[in-house]
């Protein structure tokens, strides 16, 4: 498994976690839990952004990966 593939999987997983946290925040009526889920979703969004940045960096550093896109 290439680094590119691993990063794509990590990004997909991180996005799934973010979506789940957002959904939890929408479904709960407990305001404290809602705030916690919203905060966690925002933190997860930042993680996704960092992973996507690293993915772009890998594509630039390894031109052979860009050809497969």
Protein backbone atom coordinates (compact mmCIF):
# COMPACT_ATOMS: atom_id res chain seq x y z
CA UNK A 1 0.00 0.00 0.00
CA UNK A 2 1.40 3.34 -1.02
CA UNK A 3 1.57 6.44 1.11
CA UNK A 4 -0.92 8.03 -1.28
CA UNK A 5 -3.43 5.24 -0.69
CA UNK A 6 -2.90 5.35 3.06
CA UNK A 7 -3.48 9.10 3.13
CA UNK A 8 -6.61 8.77 1.00
CA UNK A 9 -7.95 6.19 3.45
CA UNK A 10 -7.03 8.35 6.44
CA UNK A 11 -8.78 11.37 4.90
CA UNK A 12 -11.88 9.31 4.16
CA UNK A 13 -11.96 7.93 7.70
CA UNK A 14 -11.43 11.37 9.23
CA UNK A 15 -14.26 12.80 7.11
CA UNK A 16 -16.52 9.97 8.26
CA UNK A 17 -15.75 10.74 11.90
CA UNK A 18 -16.46 14.42 11.28
CA UNK A 19 -19.80 13.58 9.68
CA UNK A 20 -20.74 11.31 12.58
CA UNK A 21 -19.91 13.98 15.15
CA UNK A 22 -21.94 16.55 13.24
CA UNK A 23 -24.86 14.13 13.05
CA UNK A 24 -24.63 13.44 16.79
CA UNK A 25 -24.76 17.18 17.48
CA UNK A 26 -27.89 17.51 15.37
CA UNK A 27 -29.65 14.56 16.96
CA UNK A 28 -29.09 15.35 20.63
CA UNK A 29 -31.26 17.71 22.62
CA UNK A 30 -28.78 17.91 25.49
CA UNK A 31 -27.14 21.31 25.01
CA UNK A 32 -23.93 20.31 26.76
CA UNK A 33 -23.56 17.22 24.57
CA UNK A 34 -24.48 19.25 21.47
CA UNK A 35 -21.73 21.77 22.23
CA UNK A 36 -19.23 18.98 22.83
CA UNK A 37 -20.07 17.24 19.53
CA UNK A 38 -19.87 20.55 17.66
CA UNK A 39 -16.46 21.27 19.16
CA UNK A 40 -15.21 17.79 18.33
CA UNK A 41 -16.54 18.07 14.77
CA UNK A 42 -14.66 21.35 14.35
CA UNK A 43 -11.45 19.77 15.65
CA UNK A 44 -11.97 16.86 13.28
CA UNK A 45 -12.44 19.31 10.39
CA UNK A 46 -9.01 20.75 11.22
CA UNK A 47 -7.54 17.24 11.17
CA UNK A 48 -9.09 16.61 7.75
CA UNK A 49 -7.59 19.88 6.48
CA UNK A 50 -4.13 18.90 7.76
CA UNK A 51 -4.37 15.46 6.16
CA UNK A 52 -5.48 16.97 2.85
CA UNK A 53 -2.53 19.35 2.98
CA UNK A 54 -0.14 16.48 3.56
CA UNK A 55 -1.77 14.57 0.70
CA UNK A 56 -1.17 17.51 -1.67
CA UNK A 57 2.41 17.70 -0.45
CA UNK A 58 2.95 14.02 -1.25
CA UNK A 59 1.52 14.53 -4.74
CA UNK A 60 3.97 17.37 -5.35
CA UNK A 61 6.95 15.45 -3.95
CA UNK A 62 6.14 12.22 -5.77
CA UNK A 63 5.18 13.01 -9.38
CA UNK A 64 4.41 9.36 -10.16
CA UNK A 65 1.39 9.56 -7.85
CA UNK A 66 -0.01 12.50 -9.79
CA UNK A 67 -0.13 10.44 -12.99
CA UNK A 68 -2.55 7.95 -11.44
CA UNK A 69 -5.16 10.66 -10.85
